[in-house]
C-alpha atoms as a PDB file:
ATOM      1  CA  MET A   1     258.613 156.647 255.238  1.00  0.00           C
ATOM      2  CA  ALA A   2     261.443 154.359 256.440  1.00  0.00           C
ATOM      3  CA  GLU A   3     259.191 152.775 259.076  1.00  0.00           C
ATOM      4  CA  SER A   4     256.483 152.274 256.470  1.00  0.00           C
ATOM      5  CA  ASN A   5     258.901 150.508 254.161  1.00  0.00           C
ATOM      6  CA  ARG A   6     260.106 148.378 257.054  1.00  0.00           C
ATOM      7  CA  ALA A   7     256.555 147.361 257.938  1.00  0.00           C
ATOM      8  CA  VAL A   8     255.911 146.438 254.280  1.00  0.00           C
ATOM      9  CA  ALA A   9     259.099 144.311 254.208  1.00  0.00           C
ATOM     10  CA  VAL A  10     258.151 142.519 257.434  1.00  0.00           C
ATOM     11  CA  GLY A  11     254.682 141.866 256.092  1.00  0.00           C
ATOM     12  CA  ARG A  12     256.091 140.431 252.942  1.00  0.00           C
ATOM     13  CA  ALA A  13     258.554 138.275 254.910  1.00  0.00           C
ATOM     14  CA  ILE A  14     255.733 136.799 257.047  1.00  0.00           C
ATOM     15  CA  ARG A  15     253.606 136.165 253.953  1.00  0.00           C
ATOM     16  CA  GLY A  16     256.595 134.494 252.277  1.00  0.00           C
ATOM     17  CA  ALA A  17     257.198 132.395 255.363  1.00  0.00           C
ATOM     18  CA  ILE A  18     253.622 131.256 255.478  1.00  0.00           C
ATOM     19  CA  GLY A  19     253.738 130.403 251.813  1.00  0.00           C
ATOM     20  CA  PHE A  20     256.999 128.451 252.194  1.00  0.00           C
ATOM     21  CA  LEU A  21     256.475 126.743 255.545  1.00  0.00           C
ATOM     22  CA  THR A  22     252.770 125.917 255.375  1.00  0.00           C
ATOM     23  CA  ARG A  23     249.955 124.832 253.024  1.00  0.00           C
ATOM     24  CA  ILE A  24     247.839 127.819 253.963  1.00  0.00           C
ATOM     25  CA  PRO A  25     246.790 129.485 250.715  1.00  0.00           C
ATOM     26  CA  VAL A  26     248.447 132.902 250.582  1.00  0.00           C
ATOM     27  CA  ARG A  27     249.527 134.916 247.566  1.00  0.00           C
ATOM     28  CA  ALA A  28     253.242 134.819 248.108  1.00  0.00           C
ATOM     29  CA  GLY A  29     255.268 136.085 245.152  1.00  0.00           C
ATOM     30  CA  GLU A  30     258.936 136.533 244.364  1.00  0.00           C
ATOM     31  CA  ALA A  31     259.153 139.699 246.458  1.00  0.00           C
ATOM     32  CA  ASP A  32     257.686 137.863 249.469  1.00  0.00           C
ATOM     33  CA  TRP A  33     260.214 135.039 249.080  1.00  0.00           C
ATOM     34  CA  GLU A  34     263.107 137.493 248.863  1.00  0.00           C
ATOM     35  CA  ALA A  35     261.864 139.279 251.991  1.00  0.00           C
ATOM     36  CA  PHE A  36     261.324 135.977 253.821  1.00  0.00           C
ATOM     37  CA  ARG A  37     264.806 134.672 253.298  1.00  0.00           C
ATOM     38  CA  ARG A  38     266.262 137.838 254.754  1.00  0.00           C
ATOM     39  CA  VAL A  39     264.121 138.014 257.907  1.00  0.00           C
ATOM     40  CA  ALA A  40     265.052 135.130 260.214  1.00  0.00           C
ATOM     41  CA  TYR A  41     262.383 135.792 262.826  1.00  0.00           C
ATOM     42  CA  SER A  42     259.599 135.204 260.321  1.00  0.00           C
ATOM     43  CA  ILE A  43     260.272 131.464 260.721  1.00  0.00           C
ATOM     44  CA  PRO A  44     259.470 131.189 264.443  1.00  0.00           C
ATOM     45  CA  LEU A  45     256.499 133.569 263.915  1.00  0.00           C
ATOM     46  CA  VAL A  46     255.018 130.973 261.620  1.00  0.00           C
ATOM     47  CA  GLY A  47     255.884 128.408 264.242  1.00  0.00           C
ATOM     48  CA  TYR A  48     253.394 130.170 266.532  1.00  0.00           C
ATOM     49  CA  LEU A  49     250.743 129.885 263.840  1.00  0.00           C
ATOM     50  CA  ILE A  50     251.338 126.199 263.097  1.00  0.00           C
ATOM     51  CA  GLY A  51     251.650 125.240 266.792  1.00  0.00           C
ATOM     52  CA  ALA A  52     248.507 127.115 267.722  1.00  0.00           C
ATOM     53  CA  LEU A  53     246.392 125.511 265.010  1.00  0.00           C
ATOM     54  CA  ALA A  54     247.647 122.010 265.699  1.00  0.00           C
ATOM     55  CA  GLY A  55     247.470 122.510 269.464  1.00  0.00           C
ATOM     56  CA  LEU A  56     243.756 123.235 269.272  1.00  0.00           C
ATOM     57  CA  ALA A  57     243.300 119.475 268.985  1.00  0.00           C
ATOM     58  CA  PHE A  58     244.051 119.161 272.706  1.00  0.00           C
ATOM     59  CA  PHE A  59     240.840 121.006 273.536  1.00  0.00           C
ATOM     60  CA  LEU A  60     238.641 118.529 271.700  1.00  0.00           C
ATOM     61  CA  PRO A  61     236.276 116.532 274.013  1.00  0.00           C
ATOM     62  CA  VAL A  62     237.517 113.164 272.831  1.00  0.00           C
ATOM     63  CA  GLN A  63     239.687 110.324 274.056  1.00  0.00           C
ATOM     64  CA  PRO A  64     243.527 110.780 274.126  1.00  0.00           C
ATOM     65  CA  PRO A  65     244.235 108.598 271.054  1.00  0.00           C
ATOM     66  CA  THR A  66     241.692 110.566 268.969  1.00  0.00           C
ATOM     67  CA  THR A  67     243.215 113.824 270.309  1.00  0.00           C
ATOM     68  CA  VAL A  68     246.640 112.769 269.156  1.00  0.00           C
ATOM     69  CA  ALA A  69     245.290 111.663 265.773  1.00  0.00           C
ATOM     70  CA  ALA A  70     243.647 115.060 265.336  1.00  0.00           C
ATOM     71  CA  TYR A  71     246.849 116.846 266.360  1.00  0.00           C
ATOM     72  CA  LEU A  72     248.852 114.904 263.746  1.00  0.00           C
ATOM     73  CA  VAL A  73     246.289 115.412 260.988  1.00  0.00           C
ATOM     74  CA  ILE A  74     246.014 119.143 261.612  1.00  0.00           C
ATOM     75  CA  LEU A  75     249.771 119.493 261.896  1.00  0.00           C
ATOM     76  CA  TYR A  76     250.507 117.925 258.525  1.00  0.00           C
ATOM     77  CA  LEU A  77     247.518 119.492 256.815  1.00  0.00           C
ATOM     78  CA  VAL A  78     248.814 122.903 257.838  1.00  0.00           C
ATOM     79  CA  SER A  79     252.526 122.387 257.504  1.00  0.00           C
ATOM     80  CA  GLY A  80     252.635 119.885 254.611  1.00  0.00           C
ATOM     81  CA  ILE A  81     255.152 117.178 254.037  1.00  0.00           C
ATOM     82  CA  THR A  82     258.115 119.144 252.686  1.00  0.00           C
ATOM     83  CA  HIS A  83     260.106 118.838 255.879  1.00  0.00           C
ATOM     84  CA  ALA A  84     259.205 115.158 256.210  1.00  0.00           C
ATOM     85  CA  ASP A  85     260.580 114.620 252.770  1.00  0.00           C
ATOM     86  CA  GLY A  86     263.851 116.266 253.897  1.00  0.00           C
ATOM     87  CA  LEU A  87     263.922 113.966 256.867  1.00  0.00           C
ATOM     88  CA  ALA A  88     263.600 110.931 254.578  1.00  0.00           C
ATOM     89  CA  ASP A  89     266.476 112.174 252.396  1.00  0.00           C
ATOM     90  CA  VAL A  90     268.698 112.750 255.449  1.00  0.00           C
ATOM     91  CA  GLY A  91     267.814 109.254 256.763  1.00  0.00           C
ATOM     92  CA  ASP A  92     268.981 107.786 253.489  1.00  0.00           C
ATOM     93  CA  ALA A  93     272.199 109.857 253.626  1.00  0.00           C
ATOM     94  CA  ILE A  94     272.933 108.660 257.141  1.00  0.00           C
ATOM     95  CA  ALA A  95     272.393 105.038 256.157  1.00  0.00           C
ATOM     96  CA  VAL A  96     274.469 105.079 252.977  1.00  0.00           C
ATOM     97  CA  HIS A  97     278.024 103.754 252.925  1.00  0.00           C
ATOM     98  CA  GLY A  98     280.339 106.069 251.116  1.00  0.00           C
ATOM     99  CA  ASP A  99     282.071 109.414 251.158  1.00  0.00           C
ATOM    100  CA  ARG A 100     280.715 112.920 251.199  1.00  0.00           C
ATOM    101  CA  ASP A 101     279.898 112.962 247.482  1.00  0.00           C
ATOM    102  CA  ARG A 102     277.984 109.739 247.769  1.00  0.00           C
ATOM    103  CA  ARG A 103     275.876 111.157 250.595  1.00  0.00           C
ATOM    104  CA  LEU A 104     275.131 114.272 248.561  1.00  0.00           C
ATOM    105  CA  ASP A 105     274.048 112.138 245.627  1.00  0.00           C
ATOM    106  CA  VAL A 106     271.658 110.297 247.893  1.00  0.00           C
ATOM    107  CA  LEU A 107     270.206 113.584 249.179  1.00  0.00           C
ATOM    108  CA  LYS A 108     269.441 114.568 245.578  1.00  0.00           C
ATOM    109  CA  ASP A 109     267.824 111.238 244.769  1.00  0.00           C
ATOM    110  CA  SER A 110     264.028 111.487 244.895  1.00  0.00           C
ATOM    111  CA  ALA A 111     263.613 107.778 245.796  1.00  0.00           C
ATOM    112  CA  THR A 112     263.216 106.859 249.458  1.00  0.00           C
ATOM    113  CA  GLY A 113     265.344 104.025 250.753  1.00  0.00           C
ATOM    114  CA  VAL A 114     265.299 101.936 253.906  1.00  0.00           C
ATOM    115  CA  GLY A 115     267.188 104.618 255.877  1.00  0.00           C
ATOM    116  CA  GLY A 116     264.648 107.286 254.922  1.00  0.00           C
ATOM    117  CA  ALA A 117     261.680 105.074 255.666  1.00  0.00           C
ATOM    118  CA  LEU A 118     263.103 104.176 259.008  1.00  0.00           C
ATOM    119  CA  ALA A 119     263.782 107.801 259.910  1.00  0.00           C
ATOM    120  CA  LEU A 120     260.253 108.794 258.981  1.00  0.00           C
ATOM    121  CA  ALA A 121     258.596 105.912 260.840  1.00  0.00           C
ATOM    122  CA  THR A 122     260.720 106.381 263.972  1.00  0.00           C
ATOM    123  CA  THR A 123     260.209 110.132 264.106  1.00  0.00           C
ATOM    124  CA  LEU A 124     256.446 109.770 263.621  1.00  0.00           C
ATOM    125  CA  LEU A 125     256.295 107.134 266.342  1.00  0.00           C
ATOM    126  CA  VAL A 126     258.280 109.328 268.722  1.00  0.00           C
ATOM    127  CA  LEU A 127     256.066 112.291 267.920  1.00  0.00           C
ATOM    128  CA  THR A 128     252.888 110.260 268.445  1.00  0.00           C
ATOM    129  CA  LEU A 129     254.037 108.832 271.828  1.00  0.00           C
ATOM    130  CA  GLY A 130     255.160 112.261 272.948  1.00  0.00           C
ATOM    131  CA  ALA A 131     251.790 113.766 272.207  1.00  0.00           C
ATOM    132  CA  LEU A 132     249.958 110.786 273.785  1.00  0.00           C
ATOM    133  CA  ALA A 133     251.992 111.273 277.004  1.00  0.00           C
ATOM    134  CA  PHE A 134     250.153 114.488 277.895  1.00  0.00           C
ATOM    135  CA  ALA A 135     246.911 114.176 275.885  1.00  0.00           C
ATOM    136  CA  GLY A 136     243.868 113.862 278.075  1.00  0.00           C
ATOM    137  CA  VAL A 137     245.229 115.981 280.954  1.00  0.00           C
ATOM    138  CA  SER A 138     245.227 119.766 281.203  1.00  0.00           C
ATOM    139  CA  SER A 139     244.211 120.977 277.762  1.00  0.00           C
ATOM    140  CA  MET A 140     245.957 124.333 278.206  1.00  0.00           C
ATOM    141  CA  THR A 141     249.197 122.645 279.349  1.00  0.00           C
ATOM    142  CA  ALA A 142     249.121 120.297 276.362  1.00  0.00           C
ATOM    143  CA  PHE A 143     248.415 123.238 274.047  1.00  0.00           C
ATOM    144  CA  ARG A 144     251.270 125.287 275.427  1.00  0.00           C
ATOM    145  CA  ILE A 145     253.768 122.380 275.203  1.00  0.00           C
ATOM    146  CA  ALA A 146     252.780 121.750 271.592  1.00  0.00           C
ATOM    147  CA  LEU A 147     253.112 125.486 270.850  1.00  0.00           C
ATOM    148  CA  ALA A 148     256.537 125.705 272.510  1.00  0.00           C
ATOM    149  CA  ALA A 149     257.685 122.609 270.664  1.00  0.00           C
ATOM    150  CA  GLU A 150     256.742 124.101 267.293  1.00  0.00           C
ATOM    151  CA  VAL A 151     258.323 127.460 267.922  1.00  0.00           C
ATOM    152  CA  GLY A 152     261.450 125.827 269.269  1.00  0.00           C
ATOM    153  CA  ALA A 153     261.649 123.526 266.241  1.00  0.00           C
ATOM    154  CA  LYS A 154     261.470 126.540 263.928  1.00  0.00           C
ATOM    155  CA  LEU A 155     264.163 128.253 265.981  1.00  0.00           C
ATOM    156  CA  GLY A 156     266.303 125.137 265.440  1.00  0.00           C
ATOM    157  CA  MET A 157     265.869 125.600 261.696  1.00  0.00           C
ATOM    158  CA  VAL A 158     267.007 129.215 262.040  1.00  0.00           C
ATOM    159  CA  LEU A 159     270.114 128.100 263.858  1.00  0.00           C
ATOM    160  CA  VAL A 160     270.986 125.719 261.064  1.00  0.00           C
ATOM    161  CA  ILE A 161     270.320 128.470 258.449  1.00  0.00           C
ATOM    162  CA  CYS A 162     272.270 131.201 260.215  1.00  0.00           C
ATOM    163  CA  TYR A 163     275.325 129.162 261.250  1.00  0.00           C
ATOM    164  CA  GLY A 164     275.507 126.689 258.386  1.00  0.00           C
ATOM    165  CA  ARG A 165     277.341 126.867 255.130  1.00  0.00           C
ATOM    166  CA  PRO A 166     275.734 125.618 251.877  1.00  0.00           C
ATOM    167  CA  ALA A 167     276.472 121.953 251.059  1.00  0.00           C
ATOM    168  CA  HIS A 168     275.594 122.513 247.351  1.00  0.00           C
ATOM    169  CA  ASP A 169     273.545 124.719 245.091  1.00  0.00           C
ATOM    170  CA  GLY A 170     269.816 124.338 245.550  1.00  0.00           C
ATOM    171  CA  LEU A 171     266.805 125.742 247.372  1.00  0.00           C
ATOM    172  CA  GLY A 172     268.583 125.444 250.717  1.00  0.00           C
ATOM    173  CA  SER A 173     271.513 127.515 249.482  1.00  0.00           C
ATOM    174  CA  GLN A 174     269.127 130.418 248.925  1.00  0.00           C
ATOM    175  CA  LEU A 175     268.582 130.472 252.705  1.00  0.00           C
ATOM    176  CA  VAL A 176     271.889 129.198 254.108  1.00  0.00           C
ATOM    177  CA  GLY A 177     274.556 131.842 253.641  1.00  0.00           C
ATOM    178  CA  THR A 178     272.065 134.668 253.204  1.00  0.00           C
ATOM    179  CA  LEU A 179     271.441 135.261 256.910  1.00  0.00           C
ATOM    180  CA  PRO A 180     274.400 136.135 259.177  1.00  0.00           C
ATOM    181  CA  PRO A 181     274.795 134.442 262.577  1.00  0.00           C
ATOM    182  CA  ARG A 182     273.633 137.609 264.307  1.00  0.00           C
ATOM    183  CA  ALA A 183     270.162 137.161 262.737  1.00  0.00           C
ATOM    184  CA  PHE A 184     269.673 134.219 265.124  1.00  0.00           C
ATOM    185  CA  GLY A 185     269.433 136.700 268.012  1.00  0.00           C
ATOM    186  CA  GLY A 186     266.333 138.373 266.540  1.00  0.00           C
ATOM    187  CA  ALA A 187     264.678 134.992 265.983  1.00  0.00           C
ATOM    188  CA  LEU A 188     265.496 134.019 269.562  1.00  0.00           C
ATOM    189  CA  LEU A 189     263.914 137.212 270.951  1.00  0.00           C
ATOM    190  CA  VAL A 190     260.751 136.589 268.923  1.00  0.00           C
ATOM    191  CA  SER A 191     260.610 132.951 270.165  1.00  0.00           C
ATOM    192  CA  LEU A 192     261.186 133.510 273.896  1.00  0.00           C
ATOM    193  CA  PRO A 193     257.669 134.768 274.729  1.00  0.00           C
ATOM    194  CA  VAL A 194     256.303 131.236 274.026  1.00  0.00           C
ATOM    195  CA  MET A 195     257.550 130.319 277.480  1.00  0.00           C
ATOM    196  CA  LEU A 196     255.820 133.241 279.319  1.00  0.00           C
ATOM    197  CA  PHE A 197     252.721 132.891 281.440  1.00  0.00           C
ATOM    198  CA  ALA A 198     253.029 129.129 281.767  1.00  0.00           C
ATOM    199  CA  PRO A 199     250.111 127.179 283.284  1.00  0.00           C
ATOM    200  CA  GLN A 200     250.653 126.235 286.915  1.00  0.00           C
ATOM    201  CA  GLY A 201     253.480 123.717 287.262  1.00  0.00           C
ATOM    202  CA  ALA A 202     254.300 123.797 283.528  1.00  0.00           C
ATOM    203  CA  THR A 203     257.200 126.291 283.414  1.00  0.00           C
ATOM    204  CA  MET A 204     259.887 123.638 283.102  1.00  0.00           C
ATOM    205  CA  ALA A 205     257.758 121.771 280.581  1.00  0.00           C
ATOM    206  CA  LEU A 206     257.684 124.728 278.313  1.00  0.00           C
ATOM    207  CA  ILE A 207     261.381 125.351 278.714  1.00  0.00           C
ATOM    208  CA  GLY A 208     262.137 121.669 277.968  1.00  0.00           C
ATOM    209  CA  ALA A 209     259.974 121.679 274.825  1.00  0.00           C
ATOM    210  CA  PHE A 210     261.432 125.006 273.636  1.00  0.00           C
ATOM    211  CA  VAL A 211     265.158 124.185 274.046  1.00  0.00           C
ATOM    212  CA  ALA A 212     264.880 120.928 272.123  1.00  0.00           C
ATOM    213  CA  GLY A 213     264.750 122.840 268.844  1.00  0.00           C
ATOM    214  CA  PRO A 214     268.077 124.625 269.209  1.00  0.00           C
ATOM    215  CA  LEU A 215     269.709 121.542 270.617  1.00  0.00           C
ATOM    216  CA  VAL A 216     268.595 119.363 267.734  1.00  0.00           C
ATOM    217  CA  GLY A 217     269.597 122.186 265.359  1.00  0.00           C
ATOM    218  CA  LEU A 218     273.084 122.153 266.789  1.00  0.00           C
ATOM    219  CA  VAL A 219     273.310 118.372 266.320  1.00  0.00           C
ATOM    220  CA  MET A 220     272.044 118.557 262.771  1.00  0.00           C
ATOM    221  CA  LEU A 221     274.388 121.469 261.958  1.00  0.00           C
ATOM    222  CA  THR A 222     277.388 119.543 263.250  1.00  0.00           C
ATOM    223  CA  TRP A 223     276.465 116.453 261.372  1.00  0.00           C
ATOM    224  CA  GLY A 224     275.824 118.288 258.169  1.00  0.00           C
ATOM    225  CA  HIS A 225     279.220 120.007 258.216  1.00  0.00           C
ATOM    226  CA  ARG A 226     281.018 116.764 259.045  1.00  0.00           C
ATOM    227  CA  ALA A 227     279.148 114.427 256.746  1.00  0.00           C
ATOM    228  CA  LEU A 228     278.149 116.720 253.862  1.00  0.00           C
ATOM    229  CA  GLY A 229     280.541 119.634 254.023  1.00  0.00           C
ATOM    230  CA  GLY A 230     277.588 121.904 254.863  1.00  0.00           C
ATOM    231  CA  VAL A 231     273.785 121.917 255.129  1.00  0.00           C
ATOM    232  CA  ASN A 232     270.940 122.025 252.629  1.00  0.00           C
ATOM    233  CA  GLY A 233     267.180 122.174 252.578  1.00  0.00           C
ATOM    234  CA  ASP A 234     266.898 118.527 253.609  1.00  0.00           C
ATOM    235  CA  VAL A 235     268.970 119.117 256.739  1.00  0.00           C
ATOM    236  CA  ILE A 236     266.827 122.161 257.586  1.00  0.00           C
ATOM    237  CA  GLY A 237     263.630 120.184 257.118  1.00  0.00           C
ATOM    238  CA  ALA A 238     264.895 117.196 259.079  1.00  0.00           C
ATOM    239  CA  THR A 239     265.797 119.507 261.917  1.00  0.00           C
ATOM    240  CA  ASN A 240     262.188 120.718 262.150  1.00  0.00           C
ATOM    241  CA  GLU A 241     260.733 117.192 262.218  1.00  0.00           C
ATOM    242  CA  VAL A 242     263.180 115.677 264.687  1.00  0.00           C
ATOM    243  CA  ALA A 243     263.125 118.743 266.992  1.00  0.00           C
ATOM    244  CA  ARG A 244     259.332 118.739 267.271  1.00  0.00           C
ATOM    245  CA  ALA A 245     259.344 115.031 268.238  1.00  0.00           C
ATOM    246  CA  VAL A 246     262.139 115.406 270.742  1.00  0.00           C
ATOM    247  CA  ALA A 247     260.554 118.564 272.144  1.00  0.00           C
ATOM    248  CA  LEU A 248     257.322 116.807 273.177  1.00  0.00           C
ATOM    249  CA  HIS A 249     259.290 114.233 275.123  1.00  0.00           C
ATOM    250  CA  LEU A 250     261.510 116.757 276.831  1.00  0.00           C
ATOM    251  CA  GLY A 251     258.481 118.856 277.670  1.00  0.00           C
ATOM    252  CA  VAL A 252     256.463 116.072 279.183  1.00  0.00           C
ATOM    253  CA  SER A 253     259.543 114.668 281.030  1.00  0.00           C
ATOM    254  CA  ALA A 254     260.264 118.058 282.564  1.00  0.00           C
ATOM    255  CA  TRP A 255     256.586 118.418 283.487  1.00  0.00           C
ATOM    256  CA  ILE A 256     256.553 115.062 285.290  1.00  0.00           C
ATOM    257  CA  LEU A 257     260.008 115.007 286.835  1.00  0.00           C
ATOM    258  CA  LEU A 258     260.715 118.638 287.697  1.00  0.00           C
END
């Protein structure tokens, strides 16, 4: 009976994670949300789903620019723009002159300023160039790098959630502070298989793409605590967007240089 209840809880957590982290139509209710915010490893599990769907673009028999365009379109059709919106808010908060309270006010402002626009444009450019760097070569290698980048980015989000403290009341506070730091270990174990069975010569590429997520998560966590007094949903979302873009570059750099 206990195992059955556990399986139901995990299923609800995954359904809640899909409903929260993607635009895939699932019937995720309040019970699914409650389960999701208590199961850290559901986040990288959804990373596998998003990364696999977007990574299919690298198998298309088209030119590299079209491949990258397809990758970006699928990526944002599946994952939505919630995290991108968080990145824009964080960009505005970084650009603003003022104290902690002023930055928090900017985060809550729905308008996008110059800092947010620049953060979005720069991150999208970095992401596009990273994908273009290995598009048109080994389809499986490109697919696996994109997959590792997505799972690693989601693990970076988990790091922020598990080790952060809430900056203010809001959606993010329902995640941050709920999961203890030890929950990161379970998410890490679920994420590590993304680096197994690498295509020939691509082991370091997968490692590079994967570790970018936690590294960016650590940077965002440190900035949030220093600049905001904690982290919120915007910081979590920005971690995902920045980590994915950085991951593609680390992955392709490791593939070429190592």
